[in-house]
Amino acid sequence: MHKREYDACFERMNHGHGFCKNKGVGFYYAPALANMPGIKHGFTARYGGVSAPPFDTLNLSFGRTEPKDDHKNVRRNFEIFCAAADLSYDSLCIINFEHGANVVVVTGEDCGRGFDRQALPGCDGLVTNDPRVTLISSHADCGAFFLYDPVKRAVGIAHAGWKGTLLRIGKNLVEAMQHEYGTDPKDIIASNGPVICMNCYEVDLELGQRFQQEFEHPCGVPGKIGKHQLDMETAAAIQLLEAGVLPEHITLMHECTYENPEKLFSHRRIRGKTGDMAGFIKLT
């Protein structure tokens, strides 16, 4: 696809997000998905929980490196989140992210994986057609994918750092739904989530050039000498288009994690000593 064709597709996409609060917890959502019957989805804000700084307050990560938040606090935060989103804690199943592009198929038999049961194998994406399970992903600058097929009644979610984005985790998510559930990509309603924006995401020039070569379209702009300002949303949109999702069925939220310290955690802003938000999607 040529740049002119991409630009025309970008103009047909939905842009922006919704935000609401319930029981002290904030949620971002894609209006196109929120208006669809049969699913719940969203992306949490950082307030409304019980964690102390630097994890204040709705930290939804049990952590892999030091310092870690207290496990009891994180468990309580998930319970608070579930109450606000009208979800069952026992229905949750969370990615076991490895900054890759592996997608795992889950069912109700996987409820609790990564919480009170053994974690899933390494994966950055989940798909299901089982309404018993709530798919959960973790974020604090990295992007998200939310996918819903209203025809075959299937959903998918993914965590997308620069590595997973470069490896096309979003496209893999679509292809997993095609393979497992017979999804037609043209039926998919898709959105990204809050993500560090191009103005705030400085990377080495070499990485910027890799994105340019991989997606054959500018994913950002030149930065300071030897640097590039990387545009994760453009790369996310391109791979959904490549997978056959219609541009008018794609929403780009345009909410920067780095620029919004009141509502959103950012590992880059706090240099890693911070909590995580959660993306979630569930068939109802």
Protein backbone atom coordinates (compact mmCIF):
# COMPACT_ATOMS: atom_id res chain seq x y z
CA MET A 1 0.00 0.00 0.00
CA HIS A 2 1.37 3.42 -0.96
CA LYS A 3 1.62 6.39 1.42
CA ARG A 4 -1.32 8.10 -0.29
CA GLU A 5 -3.49 5.02 0.28
CA TYR A 6 -2.44 4.80 3.95
CA ASP A 7 -3.22 8.49 4.43
CA ALA A 8 -6.70 7.97 2.97
CA CYS A 9 -7.25 5.03 5.35
CA PHE A 10 -6.10 7.08 8.35
CA GLU A 11 -8.68 9.73 7.47
CA ARG A 12 -11.45 7.11 7.59
CA MET A 13 -10.45 5.86 11.06
CA ASN A 14 -12.11 6.91 14.29
CA HIS A 15 -9.99 9.13 16.52
CA GLY A 16 -10.30 9.82 20.22
CA HIS A 17 -11.64 8.02 23.27
CA GLY A 18 -14.22 8.09 26.00
CA PHE A 19 -13.52 8.31 29.71
CA CYS A 20 -15.77 7.52 32.64
CA LYS A 21 -15.53 6.98 36.39
CA ASN A 22 -17.35 4.43 38.50
CA LYS A 23 -16.86 3.84 42.21
CA GLY A 24 -13.74 6.03 42.16
CA VAL A 25 -12.08 4.07 39.32
CA GLY A 26 -11.44 5.64 35.92
CA PHE A 27 -11.80 3.86 32.58
CA TYR A 28 -10.82 4.78 29.04
CA TYR A 29 -12.84 3.16 26.27
CA ALA A 30 -13.38 3.22 22.52
CA PRO A 31 -16.87 4.60 21.79
CA ALA A 32 -17.21 2.30 18.75
CA LEU A 33 -16.71 -0.75 20.98
CA ALA A 34 -18.76 0.66 23.86
CA ASN A 35 -21.73 1.03 21.49
CA MET A 36 -21.55 -2.62 20.47
CA PRO A 37 -23.80 -5.03 22.40
CA GLY A 38 -22.31 -8.18 23.81
CA ILE A 39 -18.97 -7.04 25.23
CA LYS A 40 -17.30 -5.09 28.01
CA HIS A 41 -13.94 -3.46 27.48
CA GLY A 42 -11.77 -0.69 28.86
CA PHE A 43 -8.40 0.52 30.04
CA THR A 44 -7.93 1.58 33.66
CA ALA A 45 -6.68 4.88 35.02
CA ARG A 46 -4.25 4.92 37.94
CA TYR A 47 -6.45 6.20 40.79
CA GLY A 48 -8.98 4.57 43.09
CA GLY A 49 -6.75 1.87 44.59
CA VAL A 50 -4.84 1.24 47.81
CA SER A 51 -1.18 1.17 46.74
CA ALA A 52 1.34 3.66 48.11
CA PRO A 53 3.86 5.66 46.02
CA PRO A 54 5.46 4.99 43.58
CA PHE A 55 2.59 2.61 42.79
CA ASP A 56 -0.17 5.01 43.75
CA THR A 57 -2.88 4.01 43.69
CA LEU A 58 -4.61 1.50 41.39
CA ASN A 59 -1.52 -0.53 40.52
CA LEU A 60 -2.57 -3.64 38.61
CA SER A 61 0.83 -5.34 38.34
CA PHE A 62 2.24 -7.92 40.72
CA GLY A 63 5.69 -6.97 39.39
CA ARG A 64 8.66 -8.92 38.09
CA THR A 65 11.55 -6.76 39.27
CA GLU A 66 12.35 -4.78 42.41
CA PRO A 67 10.88 -2.72 43.85
CA LYS A 68 7.58 -4.59 43.92
CA ASP A 69 4.26 -3.46 45.25
CA ASP A 70 2.84 -5.48 48.13
CA HIS A 71 1.00 -8.49 46.73
CA LYS A 72 -2.00 -7.88 49.03
CA ASN A 73 -2.33 -4.33 47.71
CA VAL A 74 -2.33 -5.49 44.09
CA ARG A 75 -4.86 -8.22 44.84
CA ARG A 76 -7.09 -5.64 46.55
CA ASN A 77 -6.67 -3.27 43.58
CA PHE A 78 -7.87 -5.97 41.20
CA GLU A 79 -10.89 -6.56 43.43
CA ILE A 80 -11.64 -2.80 43.40
CA PHE A 81 -11.25 -2.72 39.62
CA CYS A 82 -13.55 -5.71 39.19
CA ALA A 83 -16.24 -4.17 41.38
CA ALA A 84 -16.11 -0.92 39.40
CA ALA A 85 -16.16 -2.71 36.01
CA ASP A 86 -18.82 -5.22 37.11
CA LEU A 87 -16.50 -8.18 36.54
CA SER A 88 -15.86 -11.30 38.59
CA TYR A 89 -12.34 -11.50 39.99
CA ASP A 90 -12.48 -15.25 39.41
CA SER A 91 -13.03 -14.70 35.65
CA LEU A 92 -9.72 -12.89 35.06
CA CYS A 93 -6.96 -14.32 32.88
CA ILE A 94 -3.87 -12.19 32.27
CA ILE A 95 -1.19 -12.23 29.58
CA ASN A 96 2.27 -13.35 30.64
CA PHE A 97 4.02 -10.72 28.55
CA GLU A 98 7.48 -11.22 27.13
CA HIS A 99 7.55 -8.27 24.70
CA GLY A 100 6.92 -10.66 21.84
CA ALA A 101 4.12 -11.53 19.44
CA ASN A 102 2.82 -14.85 20.75
CA VAL A 103 -0.98 -15.20 20.98
CA VAL A 104 -2.63 -17.79 23.23
CA VAL A 105 -6.18 -19.15 22.91
CA VAL A 106 -7.98 -19.28 26.27
CA THR A 107 -11.34 -20.46 27.59
CA GLY A 108 -13.16 -20.48 30.89
CA GLU A 109 -10.84 -23.28 31.95
CA ASP A 110 -8.07 -20.65 32.10
CA CYS A 111 -9.85 -18.30 34.51
CA GLY A 112 -7.47 -17.33 37.30
CA ARG A 113 -4.29 -17.93 35.29
CA GLY A 114 -1.67 -15.39 36.40
CA PHE A 115 -3.66 -14.60 39.55
CA ASP A 116 -4.45 -17.47 41.89
CA ARG A 117 -3.36 -20.10 39.37
CA GLN A 118 -0.20 -20.75 37.38
CA ALA A 119 0.60 -18.10 34.77
CA LEU A 120 0.05 -18.77 31.09
CA PRO A 121 3.02 -19.57 28.85
CA GLY A 122 4.82 -16.46 27.63
CA CYS A 123 2.39 -14.44 25.52
CA ASP A 124 1.47 -10.87 24.67
CA GLY A 125 -1.93 -11.63 23.15
CA LEU A 126 -5.07 -13.56 24.12
CA VAL A 127 -8.16 -14.57 22.16
CA THR A 128 -11.36 -16.28 23.24
CA ASN A 129 -14.97 -16.97 22.27
CA ASP A 130 -15.88 -18.00 25.82
CA PRO A 131 -17.93 -15.48 27.86
CA ARG A 132 -16.77 -17.06 31.12
CA VAL A 133 -13.29 -15.49 30.86
CA THR A 134 -12.16 -11.86 31.06
CA LEU A 135 -9.00 -11.14 29.09
CA ILE A 136 -6.50 -8.85 30.87
CA SER A 137 -3.36 -7.10 29.59
CA SER A 138 -0.76 -4.93 31.40
CA HIS A 139 0.46 -1.48 30.32
CA ALA A 140 2.49 1.53 31.41
CA ASP A 141 3.54 3.17 28.08
CA CYS A 142 3.18 0.10 25.84
CA GLY A 143 0.18 0.02 23.55
CA ALA A 144 -2.90 -2.19 23.60
CA PHE A 145 -5.09 -3.85 21.00
CA PHE A 146 -8.78 -4.52 21.58
CA LEU A 147 -10.58 -6.64 18.96
CA TYR A 148 -14.21 -7.76 18.74
CA ASP A 149 -15.86 -9.92 16.10
CA PRO A 150 -19.62 -9.41 16.58
CA VAL A 151 -20.47 -12.05 13.95
CA LYS A 152 -18.51 -15.04 15.28
CA ARG A 153 -18.66 -13.65 18.84
CA ALA A 154 -14.96 -13.62 19.67
CA VAL A 155 -12.58 -11.11 21.28
CA GLY A 156 -8.87 -10.50 21.52
CA ILE A 157 -6.50 -8.33 23.51
CA ALA A 158 -2.78 -7.64 23.30
CA HIS A 159 0.10 -5.84 24.97
CA ALA A 160 2.24 -4.08 22.36
CA GLY A 161 5.61 -2.65 23.26
CA TRP A 162 7.92 -1.60 20.46
CA LYS A 163 9.19 -5.18 20.07
CA GLY A 164 5.72 -6.69 19.83
CA THR A 165 4.57 -3.89 17.55
CA LEU A 166 7.52 -4.46 15.22
CA LEU A 167 6.68 -8.18 15.23
CA ARG A 168 3.04 -7.34 14.36
CA ILE A 169 1.30 -8.62 17.50
CA GLY A 170 -1.88 -6.87 16.30
CA LYS A 171 -1.87 -8.70 12.98
CA ASN A 172 -1.17 -11.97 14.81
CA LEU A 173 -4.20 -11.33 17.01
CA VAL A 174 -6.44 -10.95 13.95
CA GLU A 175 -4.99 -14.09 12.36
CA ALA A 176 -5.52 -16.08 15.56
CA MET A 177 -9.21 -15.12 15.53
CA GLN A 178 -9.42 -16.09 11.85
CA HIS A 179 -7.84 -19.47 12.51
CA GLU A 180 -9.69 -20.33 15.72
CA TYR A 181 -13.15 -18.88 15.13
CA GLY A 182 -13.47 -18.27 11.40
CA THR A 183 -13.43 -14.50 11.88
CA ASP A 184 -13.63 -12.34 8.78
CA PRO A 185 -11.28 -9.39 9.43
CA LYS A 186 -13.81 -7.08 7.77
CA ASP A 187 -16.19 -7.78 10.67
CA ILE A 188 -13.69 -6.84 13.39
CA ILE A 189 -14.19 -3.68 15.44
CA ALA A 190 -10.75 -2.66 16.72
CA SER A 191 -9.10 -0.08 18.93
CA ASN A 192 -5.77 0.67 20.48
CA GLY A 193 -5.41 2.03 24.02
CA PRO A 194 -3.54 4.87 25.69
CA VAL A 195 0.12 4.71 24.65
CA ILE A 196 3.20 6.93 24.84
CA CYS A 197 2.90 9.40 21.97
CA MET A 198 5.35 10.25 19.21
CA ASN A 199 6.35 13.55 20.84
CA CYS A 200 7.39 11.76 24.04
CA TYR A 201 8.87 8.54 22.67
CA GLU A 202 12.48 9.16 21.71
CA VAL A 203 14.35 6.10 20.41
CA ASP A 204 17.60 5.49 18.61
CA LEU A 205 17.64 6.39 14.93
CA GLU A 206 18.38 2.78 14.04
CA LEU A 207 15.13 1.60 15.64
CA GLY A 208 13.19 4.34 13.87
CA GLN A 209 14.66 3.17 10.57
CA ARG A 210 13.67 -0.43 11.34
CA PHE A 211 10.04 0.67 11.78
CA GLN A 212 10.23 2.68 8.56
CA GLN A 213 11.56 -0.33 6.63
CA GLU A 214 9.17 -2.80 8.23
CA PHE A 215 5.96 -0.84 7.67
CA GLU A 216 7.01 1.05 4.51
CA HIS A 217 5.42 4.19 5.91
CA PRO A 218 6.74 6.92 8.24
CA CYS A 219 6.22 5.79 11.84
CA GLY A 220 7.35 9.00 13.48
CA VAL A 221 9.65 11.87 12.64
CA PRO A 222 13.40 12.58 12.91
CA GLY A 223 14.46 13.73 16.37
CA LYS A 224 17.72 15.04 17.72
CA ILE A 225 20.94 13.88 16.10
CA GLY A 226 20.96 10.07 16.21
CA LYS A 227 17.36 9.91 17.53
CA HIS A 228 13.86 9.30 16.21
CA GLN A 229 10.44 10.17 17.62
CA LEU A 230 8.55 6.87 17.26
CA ASP A 231 4.83 6.79 16.42
CA MET A 232 3.41 3.57 17.88
CA GLU A 233 -0.18 4.36 16.90
CA THR A 234 0.62 4.56 13.20
CA ALA A 235 2.45 1.22 13.34
CA ALA A 236 -0.52 -0.30 15.18
CA ALA A 237 -2.98 0.98 12.60
CA ILE A 238 -0.91 -0.23 9.64
CA GLN A 239 -0.77 -3.82 10.87
CA LEU A 240 -4.52 -3.91 11.43
CA LEU A 241 -5.02 -2.67 7.86
CA GLU A 242 -2.56 -5.31 6.64
CA ALA A 243 -4.63 -7.94 8.40
CA GLY A 244 -7.78 -6.82 6.57
CA VAL A 245 -9.53 -4.73 9.25
CA LEU A 246 -11.51 -1.92 7.64
CA PRO A 247 -10.20 1.59 8.43
CA GLU A 248 -13.64 2.77 9.51
CA HIS A 249 -13.66 -0.06 12.07
CA ILE A 250 -10.41 1.11 13.71
CA THR A 251 -10.19 3.59 16.59
CA LEU A 252 -6.97 5.33 17.63
CA MET A 253 -7.42 6.70 21.16
CA HIS A 254 -4.72 9.41 21.01
CA GLU A 255 -4.08 9.47 24.77
CA CYS A 256 -0.45 9.71 25.87
CA THR A 257 0.63 7.86 29.01
CA TYR A 258 3.70 10.05 29.48
CA GLU A 259 1.81 13.36 29.31
CA ASN A 260 -0.95 12.43 31.76
CA PRO A 261 0.59 11.72 35.20
CA GLU A 262 -2.71 12.26 37.02
CA LYS A 263 -4.48 9.43 35.23
CA LEU A 264 -1.83 7.14 33.78
CA PHE A 265 1.32 5.31 34.85
CA SER A 266 4.40 5.73 32.65
CA HIS A 267 7.54 3.65 33.06
CA ARG A 268 9.50 6.10 30.94
CA ARG A 269 8.33 9.13 32.92
CA ILE A 270 9.22 7.52 36.29
CA ARG A 271 12.11 5.40 34.93
CA GLY A 272 10.49 2.08 35.72
CA LYS A 273 9.52 2.61 39.37
CA THR A 274 5.79 2.73 38.86
CA GLY A 275 2.66 0.63 38.53
CA ASP A 276 0.66 -0.70 35.58
CA MET A 277 -2.77 -0.10 34.15
CA ALA A 278 -4.90 -2.95 32.82
CA GLY A 279 -6.73 -3.41 29.56
CA PHE A 280 -9.71 -5.75 29.62
CA ILE A 281 -12.26 -7.21 27.22
CA LYS A 282 -15.00 -9.76 27.82
CA LEU A 283 -17.94 -11.26 25.98
CA THR A 284 -21.24 -10.85 27.82
